[in-house]
Amino acid sequence: MTVTLGELAVRFGCELRGDPAATVDTVAALSRAGPRAVTFLANPKYVAQLADTRAGAVILEAKSAAFSPVATLIAANPHATYARVATLLHPDPPLHPGAH
């Protein structure tokens, strides 16, 4: 599934700093994220890793936003928001009744 950062901001109640038309289609760890991935920063002790990220967007708290070189989705709880984005982008496969 591909979504715009603007759609993510509206759906999850985030403040977006970046291009609302930019698209992402996966999630990844901060150090491994590519340009089509969303990542997150929940622990300020890892803020230095933001300088090297290649992510399309990062979810973080407002106090860390100034350190982000990429689009940011500002959330009160970055980890929980990341989990919700991951569920949206990578939903569980449908169950097929009767199949084991």
PDB file of N, CA and C in Angstrom:
ATOM      1  N   MET A   1       0.844  -1.175   0.000  1.00  0.00           N
ATOM      2  CA  MET A   1       0.000   0.000   0.000  1.00  0.00           C
ATOM      3  C   MET A   1       0.890   1.239   0.000  1.00  0.00           C
ATOM      4  N   THR A   2       0.529   2.207  -0.788  1.00  0.00           N
ATOM      5  CA  THR A   2       1.248   3.480  -0.830  1.00  0.00           C
ATOM      6  C   THR A   2       0.333   4.580  -0.301  1.00  0.00           C
ATOM      7  N   VAL A   3       0.856   5.419   0.589  1.00  0.00           N
ATOM      8  CA  VAL A   3       0.088   6.535   1.136  1.00  0.00           C
ATOM      9  C   VAL A   3       0.944   7.791   1.129  1.00  0.00           C
ATOM     10  N   THR A   4       0.276   8.928   1.139  1.00  0.00           N
ATOM     11  CA  THR A   4       1.009  10.190   1.218  1.00  0.00           C
ATOM     12  C   THR A   4       1.259  10.544   2.682  1.00  0.00           C
ATOM     13  N   LEU A   5       2.261  11.363   2.887  1.00  0.00           N
ATOM     14  CA  LEU A   5       2.531  11.827   4.247  1.00  0.00           C
ATOM     15  C   LEU A   5       1.366  12.656   4.769  1.00  0.00           C
ATOM     16  N   GLY A   6       0.707  13.384   3.879  1.00  0.00           N
ATOM     17  CA  GLY A   6      -0.470  14.151   4.280  1.00  0.00           C
ATOM     18  C   GLY A   6      -1.576  13.251   4.805  1.00  0.00           C
ATOM     19  N   GLU A   7      -1.791  12.112   4.131  1.00  0.00           N
ATOM     20  CA  GLU A   7      -2.797  11.156   4.592  1.00  0.00           C
ATOM     21  C   GLU A   7      -2.429  10.589   5.964  1.00  0.00           C
ATOM     22  N   LEU A   8      -1.156  10.267   6.146  1.00  0.00           N
ATOM     23  CA  LEU A   8      -0.723   9.749   7.446  1.00  0.00           C
ATOM     24  C   LEU A   8      -0.932  10.782   8.543  1.00  0.00           C
ATOM     25  N   ALA A   9      -0.598  12.027   8.257  1.00  0.00           N
ATOM     26  CA  ALA A   9      -0.748  13.088   9.256  1.00  0.00           C
ATOM     27  C   ALA A   9      -2.201  13.232   9.690  1.00  0.00           C
ATOM     28  N   VAL A  10      -3.102  13.222   8.734  1.00  0.00           N
ATOM     29  CA  VAL A  10      -4.526  13.360   9.055  1.00  0.00           C
ATOM     30  C   VAL A  10      -5.030  12.129   9.802  1.00  0.00           C
ATOM     31  N   ARG A  11      -4.733  10.958   9.294  1.00  0.00           N
ATOM     32  CA  ARG A  11      -5.234   9.716   9.877  1.00  0.00           C
ATOM     33  C   ARG A  11      -4.765   9.517  11.317  1.00  0.00           C
ATOM     34  N   PHE A  12      -3.506   9.886  11.598  1.00  0.00           N
ATOM     35  CA  PHE A  12      -2.945   9.611  12.918  1.00  0.00           C
ATOM     36  C   PHE A  12      -2.765  10.854  13.781  1.00  0.00           C
ATOM     37  N   GLY A  13      -3.300  11.981  13.348  1.00  0.00           N
ATOM     38  CA  GLY A  13      -3.283  13.194  14.160  1.00  0.00           C
ATOM     39  C   GLY A  13      -1.902  13.772  14.401  1.00  0.00           C
ATOM     40  N   CYS A  14      -1.055  13.702  13.393  1.00  0.00           N
ATOM     41  CA  CYS A  14       0.317  14.212  13.509  1.00  0.00           C
ATOM     42  C   CYS A  14       0.441  15.586  12.864  1.00  0.00           C
ATOM     43  N   GLU A  15       1.413  16.343  13.322  1.00  0.00           N
ATOM     44  CA  GLU A  15       1.801  17.568  12.630  1.00  0.00           C
ATOM     45  C   GLU A  15       2.852  17.165  11.605  1.00  0.00           C
ATOM     46  N   LEU A  16       2.639  17.535  10.356  1.00  0.00           N
ATOM     47  CA  LEU A  16       3.578  17.193   9.292  1.00  0.00           C
ATOM     48  C   LEU A  16       4.472  18.372   8.976  1.00  0.00           C
ATOM     49  N   ARG A  17       5.760  18.132   8.947  1.00  0.00           N
ATOM     50  CA  ARG A  17       6.736  19.101   8.456  1.00  0.00           C
ATOM     51  C   ARG A  17       7.404  18.456   7.256  1.00  0.00           C
ATOM     52  N   GLY A  18       6.956  18.847   6.086  1.00  0.00           N
ATOM     53  CA  GLY A  18       7.449  18.248   4.855  1.00  0.00           C
ATOM     54  C   GLY A  18       6.367  18.289   3.800  1.00  0.00           C
ATOM     55  N   ASP A  19       6.631  17.653   2.676  1.00  0.00           N
ATOM     56  CA  ASP A  19       5.730  17.643   1.531  1.00  0.00           C
ATOM     57  C   ASP A  19       4.567  16.683   1.774  1.00  0.00           C
ATOM     58  N   PRO A  20       3.340  17.187   1.852  1.00  0.00           N
ATOM     59  CA  PRO A  20       2.204  16.301   2.103  1.00  0.00           C
ATOM     60  C   PRO A  20       1.937  15.335   0.949  1.00  0.00           C
ATOM     61  N   ALA A  21       2.452  15.614  -0.237  1.00  0.00           N
ATOM     62  CA  ALA A  21       2.237  14.740  -1.387  1.00  0.00           C
ATOM     63  C   ALA A  21       3.291  13.638  -1.498  1.00  0.00           C
ATOM     64  N   ALA A  22       4.346  13.699  -0.700  1.00  0.00           N
ATOM     65  CA  ALA A  22       5.377  12.654  -0.726  1.00  0.00           C
ATOM     66  C   ALA A  22       4.751  11.333  -0.303  1.00  0.00           C
ATOM     67  N   THR A  23       5.185  10.240  -0.928  1.00  0.00           N
ATOM     68  CA  THR A  23       4.595   8.941  -0.646  1.00  0.00           C
ATOM     69  C   THR A  23       5.583   7.994   0.033  1.00  0.00           C
ATOM     70  N   VAL A  24       5.018   7.094   0.815  1.00  0.00           N
ATOM     71  CA  VAL A  24       5.771   6.026   1.469  1.00  0.00           C
ATOM     72  C   VAL A  24       4.981   4.732   1.316  1.00  0.00           C
ATOM     73  N   ASP A  25       5.694   3.599   1.396  1.00  0.00           N
ATOM     74  CA  ASP A  25       4.995   2.326   1.255  1.00  0.00           C
ATOM     75  C   ASP A  25       5.515   1.222   2.174  1.00  0.00           C
ATOM     76  N   THR A  26       6.385   1.585   3.103  1.00  0.00           N
ATOM     77  CA  THR A  26       6.916   0.592   4.028  1.00  0.00           C
ATOM     78  C   THR A  26       7.397   1.263   5.307  1.00  0.00           C
ATOM     79  N   VAL A  27       7.765   0.458   6.276  1.00  0.00           N
ATOM     80  CA  VAL A  27       8.369   0.949   7.516  1.00  0.00           C
ATOM     81  C   VAL A  27       9.718   0.262   7.674  1.00  0.00           C
ATOM     82  N   ALA A  28      10.619   0.902   8.399  1.00  0.00           N
ATOM     83  CA  ALA A  28      11.950   0.325   8.609  1.00  0.00           C
ATOM     84  C   ALA A  28      12.613   0.973   9.814  1.00  0.00           C
ATOM     85  N   ALA A  29      13.655   0.330  10.295  1.00  0.00           N
ATOM     86  CA  ALA A  29      14.447   0.882  11.391  1.00  0.00           C
ATOM     87  C   ALA A  29      15.142   2.156  10.930  1.00  0.00           C
ATOM     88  N   LEU A  30      15.406   3.037  11.848  1.00  0.00           N
ATOM     89  CA  LEU A  30      16.030   4.327  11.550  1.00  0.00           C
ATOM     90  C   LEU A  30      17.300   4.169  10.719  1.00  0.00           C
ATOM     91  N   SER A  31      18.137   3.223  11.056  1.00  0.00           N
ATOM     92  CA  SER A  31      19.415   3.050  10.363  1.00  0.00           C
ATOM     93  C   SER A  31      19.288   2.353   9.014  1.00  0.00           C
ATOM     94  N   ARG A  32      18.154   1.693   8.755  1.00  0.00           N
ATOM     95  CA  ARG A  32      17.989   0.942   7.508  1.00  0.00           C
ATOM     96  C   ARG A  32      16.934   1.505   6.564  1.00  0.00           C
ATOM     97  N   ALA A  33      16.252   2.544   6.967  1.00  0.00           N
ATOM     98  CA  ALA A  33      15.139   3.077   6.171  1.00  0.00           C
ATOM     99  C   ALA A  33      15.624   3.742   4.890  1.00  0.00           C
ATOM    100  N   GLY A  34      14.914   3.468   3.807  1.00  0.00           N
ATOM    101  CA  GLY A  34      15.187   4.100   2.522  1.00  0.00           C
ATOM    102  C   GLY A  34      14.176   5.195   2.244  1.00  0.00           C
ATOM    103  N   PRO A  35      14.237   5.789   1.067  1.00  0.00           N
ATOM    104  CA  PRO A  35      13.404   6.955   0.753  1.00  0.00           C
ATOM    105  C   PRO A  35      11.898   6.704   0.694  1.00  0.00           C
ATOM    106  N   ARG A  36      11.464   5.453   0.613  1.00  0.00           N
ATOM    107  CA  ARG A  36      10.026   5.161   0.587  1.00  0.00           C
ATOM    108  C   ARG A  36       9.546   4.599   1.919  1.00  0.00           C
ATOM    109  N   ALA A  37      10.390   4.729   2.954  1.00  0.00           N
ATOM    110  CA  ALA A  37      10.066   4.155   4.263  1.00  0.00           C
ATOM    111  C   ALA A  37       9.796   5.223   5.312  1.00  0.00           C
ATOM    112  N   VAL A  38       8.951   4.843   6.260  1.00  0.00           N
ATOM    113  CA  VAL A  38       8.709   5.636   7.462  1.00  0.00           C
ATOM    114  C   VAL A  38       9.465   4.949   8.594  1.00  0.00           C
ATOM    115  N   THR A  39      10.104   5.731   9.431  1.00  0.00           N
ATOM    116  CA  THR A  39      10.796   5.220  10.598  1.00  0.00           C
ATOM    117  C   THR A  39      10.371   6.044  11.802  1.00  0.00           C
ATOM    118  N   PHE A  40      10.969   5.787  12.961  1.00  0.00           N
ATOM    119  CA  PHE A  40      10.602   6.582  14.132  1.00  0.00           C
ATOM    120  C   PHE A  40      11.789   6.751  15.063  1.00  0.00           C
ATOM    121  N   LEU A  41      11.683   7.765  15.897  1.00  0.00           N
ATOM    122  CA  LEU A  41      12.656   8.028  16.953  1.00  0.00           C
ATOM    123  C   LEU A  41      11.857   8.262  18.224  1.00  0.00           C
ATOM    124  N   ALA A  42      11.981   7.342  19.178  1.00  0.00           N
ATOM    125  CA  ALA A  42      11.251   7.488  20.439  1.00  0.00           C
ATOM    126  C   ALA A  42      12.178   7.834  21.594  1.00  0.00           C
ATOM    127  N   ASN A  43      13.448   7.492  21.463  1.00  0.00           N
ATOM    128  CA  ASN A  43      14.404   7.727  22.538  1.00  0.00           C
ATOM    129  C   ASN A  43      15.382   8.821  22.112  1.00  0.00           C
ATOM    130  N   PRO A  44      15.379   9.959  22.792  1.00  0.00           N
ATOM    131  CA  PRO A  44      16.247  11.075  22.403  1.00  0.00           C
ATOM    132  C   PRO A  44      17.738  10.733  22.380  1.00  0.00           C
ATOM    133  N   LYS A  45      18.150   9.659  23.039  1.00  0.00           N
ATOM    134  CA  LYS A  45      19.580   9.326  23.024  1.00  0.00           C
ATOM    135  C   LYS A  45      20.046   8.879  21.638  1.00  0.00           C
ATOM    136  N   TYR A  46      19.114   8.577  20.733  1.00  0.00           N
ATOM    137  CA  TYR A  46      19.461   8.178  19.373  1.00  0.00           C
ATOM    138  C   TYR A  46      19.303   9.309  18.359  1.00  0.00           C
ATOM    139  N   VAL A  47      19.096  10.519  18.824  1.00  0.00           N
ATOM    140  CA  VAL A  47      18.839  11.643  17.924  1.00  0.00           C
ATOM    141  C   VAL A  47      19.994  11.862  16.942  1.00  0.00           C
ATOM    142  N   ALA A  48      21.212  11.537  17.312  1.00  0.00           N
ATOM    143  CA  ALA A  48      22.352  11.707  16.401  1.00  0.00           C
ATOM    144  C   ALA A  48      22.211  10.839  15.154  1.00  0.00           C
ATOM    145  N   GLN A  49      21.492   9.724  15.250  1.00  0.00           N
ATOM    146  CA  GLN A  49      21.288   8.851  14.092  1.00  0.00           C
ATOM    147  C   GLN A  49      20.416   9.493  13.019  1.00  0.00           C
ATOM    148  N   LEU A  50      19.660  10.511  13.390  1.00  0.00           N
ATOM    149  CA  LEU A  50      18.823  11.195  12.400  1.00  0.00           C
ATOM    150  C   LEU A  50      19.658  11.789  11.274  1.00  0.00           C
ATOM    151  N   ALA A  51      20.850  12.256  11.580  1.00  0.00           N
ATOM    152  CA  ALA A  51      21.696  12.904  10.576  1.00  0.00           C
ATOM    153  C   ALA A  51      22.011  11.976   9.408  1.00  0.00           C
ATOM    154  N   ASP A  52      22.036  10.671   9.648  1.00  0.00           N
ATOM    155  CA  ASP A  52      22.407   9.709   8.611  1.00  0.00           C
ATOM    156  C   ASP A  52      21.230   8.968   7.992  1.00  0.00           C
ATOM    157  N   THR A  53      20.014   9.220   8.458  1.00  0.00           N
ATOM    158  CA  THR A  53      18.887   8.458   7.931  1.00  0.00           C
ATOM    159  C   THR A  53      18.595   8.837   6.484  1.00  0.00           C
ATOM    160  N   ARG A  54      18.161   7.839   5.729  1.00  0.00           N
ATOM    161  CA  ARG A  54      17.744   8.057   4.341  1.00  0.00           C
ATOM    162  C   ARG A  54      16.236   7.843   4.208  1.00  0.00           C
ATOM    163  N   ALA A  55      15.546   7.838   5.344  1.00  0.00           N
ATOM    164  CA  ALA A  55      14.101   7.591   5.364  1.00  0.00           C
ATOM    165  C   ALA A  55      13.337   8.669   4.608  1.00  0.00           C
ATOM    166  N   GLY A  56      12.163   8.287   4.120  1.00  0.00           N
ATOM    167  CA  GLY A  56      11.275   9.261   3.509  1.00  0.00           C
ATOM    168  C   GLY A  56      10.639  10.159   4.544  1.00  0.00           C
ATOM    169  N   ALA A  57      10.431   9.609   5.737  1.00  0.00           N
ATOM    170  CA  ALA A  57       9.845  10.382   6.838  1.00  0.00           C
ATOM    171  C   ALA A  57      10.181   9.706   8.151  1.00  0.00           C
ATOM    172  N   VAL A  58      10.207  10.506   9.198  1.00  0.00           N
ATOM    173  CA  VAL A  58      10.454   9.983  10.538  1.00  0.00           C
ATOM    174  C   VAL A  58       9.363  10.490  11.475  1.00  0.00           C
ATOM    175  N   ILE A  59       8.880   9.604  12.328  1.00  0.00           N
ATOM    176  CA  ILE A  59       7.895   9.960  13.344  1.00  0.00           C
ATOM    177  C   ILE A  59       8.663  10.218  14.633  1.00  0.00           C
ATOM    178  N   LEU A  60       8.439  11.380  15.233  1.00  0.00           N
ATOM    179  CA  LEU A  60       9.151  11.721  16.463  1.00  0.00           C
ATOM    180  C   LEU A  60       8.386  12.744  17.266  1.00  0.00           C
ATOM    181  N   GLU A  61       8.886  13.016  18.470  1.00  0.00           N
ATOM    182  CA  GLU A  61       8.274  14.028  19.331  1.00  0.00           C
ATOM    183  C   GLU A  61       8.718  15.409  18.877  1.00  0.00           C
ATOM    184  N   ALA A  62       7.950  16.418  19.240  1.00  0.00           N
ATOM    185  CA  ALA A  62       8.241  17.797  18.841  1.00  0.00           C
ATOM    186  C   ALA A  62       9.633  18.239  19.275  1.00  0.00           C
ATOM    187  N   LYS A  63      10.086  17.798  20.448  1.00  0.00           N
ATOM    188  CA  LYS A  63      11.386  18.245  20.956  1.00  0.00           C
ATOM    189  C   LYS A  63      12.559  17.754  20.114  1.00  0.00           C
ATOM    190  N   SER A  64      12.357  16.746  19.278  1.00  0.00           N
ATOM    191  CA  SER A  64      13.428  16.225  18.422  1.00  0.00           C
ATOM    192  C   SER A  64      13.298  16.666  16.971  1.00  0.00           C
ATOM    193  N   ALA A  65      12.217  17.343  16.627  1.00  0.00           N
ATOM    194  CA  ALA A  65      11.933  17.676  15.230  1.00  0.00           C
ATOM    195  C   ALA A  65      13.013  18.526  14.575  1.00  0.00           C
ATOM    196  N   ALA A  66      13.625  19.419  15.303  1.00  0.00           N
ATOM    197  CA  ALA A  66      14.641  20.301  14.719  1.00  0.00           C
ATOM    198  C   ALA A  66      15.863  19.535  14.230  1.00  0.00           C
ATOM    199  N   PHE A  67      16.067  18.325  14.698  1.00  0.00           N
ATOM    200  CA  PHE A  67      17.232  17.525  14.314  1.00  0.00           C
ATOM    201  C   PHE A  67      16.993  16.680  13.063  1.00  0.00           C
ATOM    202  N   SER A  68      15.768  16.647  12.565  1.00  0.00           N
ATOM    203  CA  SER A  68      15.435  15.767  11.448  1.00  0.00           C
ATOM    204  C   SER A  68      15.757  16.407  10.099  1.00  0.00           C
ATOM    205  N   PRO A  69      16.569  15.719   9.269  1.00  0.00           N
ATOM    206  CA  PRO A  69      16.875  16.231   7.940  1.00  0.00           C
ATOM    207  C   PRO A  69      15.850  15.803   6.888  1.00  0.00           C
ATOM    208  N   VAL A  70      14.855  15.022   7.301  1.00  0.00           N
ATOM    209  CA  VAL A  70      13.836  14.520   6.377  1.00  0.00           C
ATOM    210  C   VAL A  70      12.460  14.960   6.865  1.00  0.00           C
ATOM    211  N   ALA A  71      11.438  14.645   6.091  1.00  0.00           N
ATOM    212  CA  ALA A  71      10.068  14.977   6.487  1.00  0.00           C
ATOM    213  C   ALA A  71       9.769  14.376   7.857  1.00  0.00           C
ATOM    214  N   THR A  72       9.013  15.102   8.656  1.00  0.00           N
ATOM    215  CA  THR A  72       8.705  14.631  10.002  1.00  0.00           C
ATOM    216  C   THR A  72       7.208  14.597  10.246  1.00  0.00           C
ATOM    217  N   LEU A  73       6.799  13.568  10.965  1.00  0.00           N
ATOM    218  CA  LEU A  73       5.443  13.455  11.481  1.00  0.00           C
ATOM    219  C   LEU A  73       5.587  13.555  12.990  1.00  0.00           C
ATOM    220  N   ILE A  74       5.135  14.656  13.551  1.00  0.00           N
ATOM    221  CA  ILE A  74       5.297  14.896  14.982  1.00  0.00           C
ATOM    222  C   ILE A  74       4.113  14.280  15.719  1.00  0.00           C
ATOM    223  N   ALA A  75       4.438  13.401  16.674  1.00  0.00           N
ATOM    224  CA  ALA A  75       3.416  12.668  17.420  1.00  0.00           C
ATOM    225  C   ALA A  75       3.757  12.674  18.901  1.00  0.00           C
ATOM    226  N   ALA A  76       2.738  12.642  19.732  1.00  0.00           N
ATOM    227  CA  ALA A  76       2.949  12.589  21.179  1.00  0.00           C
ATOM    228  C   ALA A  76       3.602  11.275  21.592  1.00  0.00           C
ATOM    229  N   ASN A  77       3.265  10.191  20.894  1.00  0.00           N
ATOM    230  CA  ASN A  77       3.833   8.876  21.184  1.00  0.00           C
ATOM    231  C   ASN A  77       4.354   8.278  19.879  1.00  0.00           C
ATOM    232  N   PRO A  78       5.597   8.564  19.502  1.00  0.00           N
ATOM    233  CA  PRO A  78       6.122   8.098  18.219  1.00  0.00           C
ATOM    234  C   PRO A  78       6.087   6.578  18.041  1.00  0.00           C
ATOM    235  N   HIS A  79       6.386   5.837  19.080  1.00  0.00           N
ATOM    236  CA  HIS A  79       6.410   4.378  18.961  1.00  0.00           C
ATOM    237  C   HIS A  79       5.024   3.831  18.638  1.00  0.00           C
ATOM    238  N   ALA A  80       4.006   4.302  19.340  1.00  0.00           N
ATOM    239  CA  ALA A  80       2.634   3.849  19.086  1.00  0.00           C
ATOM    240  C   ALA A  80       2.167   4.270  17.696  1.00  0.00           C
ATOM    241  N   THR A  81       2.501   5.481  17.291  1.00  0.00           N
ATOM    242  CA  THR A  81       2.111   5.950  15.961  1.00  0.00           C
ATOM    243  C   THR A  81       2.791   5.119  14.886  1.00  0.00           C
ATOM    244  N   TYR A  82       4.063   4.805  15.078  1.00  0.00           N
ATOM    245  CA  TYR A  82       4.798   3.954  14.139  1.00  0.00           C
ATOM    246  C   TYR A  82       4.120   2.588  14.017  1.00  0.00           C
ATOM    247  N   ALA A  83       3.703   2.021  15.127  1.00  0.00           N
ATOM    248  CA  ALA A  83       3.028   0.722  15.099  1.00  0.00           C
ATOM    249  C   ALA A  83       1.733   0.801  14.300  1.00  0.00           C
ATOM    250  N   ARG A  84       1.010   1.878  14.445  1.00  0.00           N
ATOM    251  CA  ARG A  84      -0.242   2.056  13.698  1.00  0.00           C
ATOM    252  C   ARG A  84       0.033   2.235  12.210  1.00  0.00           C
ATOM    253  N   VAL A  85       1.085   2.982  11.870  1.00  0.00           N
ATOM    254  CA  VAL A  85       1.467   3.149  10.463  1.00  0.00           C
ATOM    255  C   VAL A  85       1.888   1.799   9.880  1.00  0.00           C
ATOM    256  N   ALA A  86       2.651   1.027  10.633  1.00  0.00           N
ATOM    257  CA  ALA A  86       3.081  -0.296  10.169  1.00  0.00           C
ATOM    258  C   ALA A  86       1.881  -1.191   9.881  1.00  0.00           C
ATOM    259  N   THR A  87       0.879  -1.142  10.742  1.00  0.00           N
ATOM    260  CA  THR A  87      -0.328  -1.941  10.541  1.00  0.00           C
ATOM    261  C   THR A  87      -1.078  -1.494   9.290  1.00  0.00           C
ATOM    262  N   LEU A  88      -1.102  -0.205   9.038  1.00  0.00           N
ATOM    263  CA  LEU A  88      -1.755   0.310   7.835  1.00  0.00           C
ATOM    264  C   LEU A  88      -1.012  -0.137   6.578  1.00  0.00           C
ATOM    265  N   LEU A  89       0.296   0.011   6.574  1.00  0.00           N
ATOM    266  CA  LEU A  89       1.084  -0.297   5.379  1.00  0.00           C
ATOM    267  C   LEU A  89       1.267  -1.794   5.156  1.00  0.00           C
ATOM    268  N   HIS A  90       1.236  -2.574   6.227  1.00  0.00           N
ATOM    269  CA  HIS A  90       1.464  -4.021   6.142  1.00  0.00           C
ATOM    270  C   HIS A  90       0.381  -4.764   6.922  1.00  0.00           C
ATOM    271  N   PRO A  91      -0.868  -4.741   6.423  1.00  0.00           N
ATOM    272  CA  PRO A  91      -1.957  -5.403   7.154  1.00  0.00           C
ATOM    273  C   PRO A  91      -1.774  -6.923   7.172  1.00  0.00           C
ATOM    274  N   ASP A  92      -2.374  -7.546   8.173  1.00  0.00           N
ATOM    275  CA  ASP A  92      -2.357  -9.008   8.237  1.00  0.00           C
ATOM    276  C   ASP A  92      -3.104  -9.558   7.029  1.00  0.00           C
ATOM    277  N   PRO A  93      -2.655 -10.698   6.496  1.00  0.00           N
ATOM    278  CA  PRO A  93      -3.389 -11.288   5.373  1.00  0.00           C
ATOM    279  C   PRO A  93      -4.767 -11.745   5.834  1.00  0.00           C
ATOM    280  N   PRO A  94      -5.741 -11.752   4.926  1.00  0.00           N
ATOM    281  CA  PRO A  94      -7.090 -12.166   5.317  1.00  0.00           C
ATOM    282  C   PRO A  94      -7.117 -13.650   5.705  1.00  0.00           C
ATOM    283  N   LEU A  95      -7.970 -13.958   6.653  1.00  0.00           N
ATOM    284  CA  LEU A  95      -8.155 -15.349   7.064  1.00  0.00           C
ATOM    285  C   LEU A  95      -9.128 -16.019   6.108  1.00  0.00           C
ATOM    286  N   HIS A  96      -8.895 -17.280   5.834  1.00  0.00           N
ATOM    287  CA  HIS A  96      -9.778 -18.047   4.960  1.00  0.00           C
ATOM    288  C   HIS A  96     -10.441 -19.132   5.800  1.00  0.00           C
ATOM    289  N   PRO A  97     -11.726 -18.931   6.138  1.00  0.00           N
ATOM    290  CA  PRO A  97     -12.423 -19.909   6.979  1.00  0.00           C
ATOM    291  C   PRO A  97     -12.348 -21.312   6.379  1.00  0.00           C
ATOM    292  N   GLY A  98     -12.100 -22.271   7.249  1.00  0.00           N
ATOM    293  CA  GLY A  98     -12.062 -23.658   6.814  1.00  0.00           C
ATOM    294  C   GLY A  98     -10.698 -24.119   6.337  1.00  0.00           C
ATOM    295  N   ALA A  99      -9.790 -23.216   6.091  1.00  0.00           N
ATOM    296  CA  ALA A  99      -8.447 -23.611   5.648  1.00  0.00           C
ATOM    297  C   ALA A  99      -7.534 -23.713   6.855  1.00  0.00           C
ATOM    298  N   HIS A 100      -6.782 -24.780   6.931  1.00  0.00           N
ATOM    299  CA  HIS A 100      -5.882 -24.978   8.072  1.00  0.00           C
ATOM    300  C   HIS A 100      -4.464 -25.064   7.603  1.00  0.00           C
TER     301      HIS A 100
END
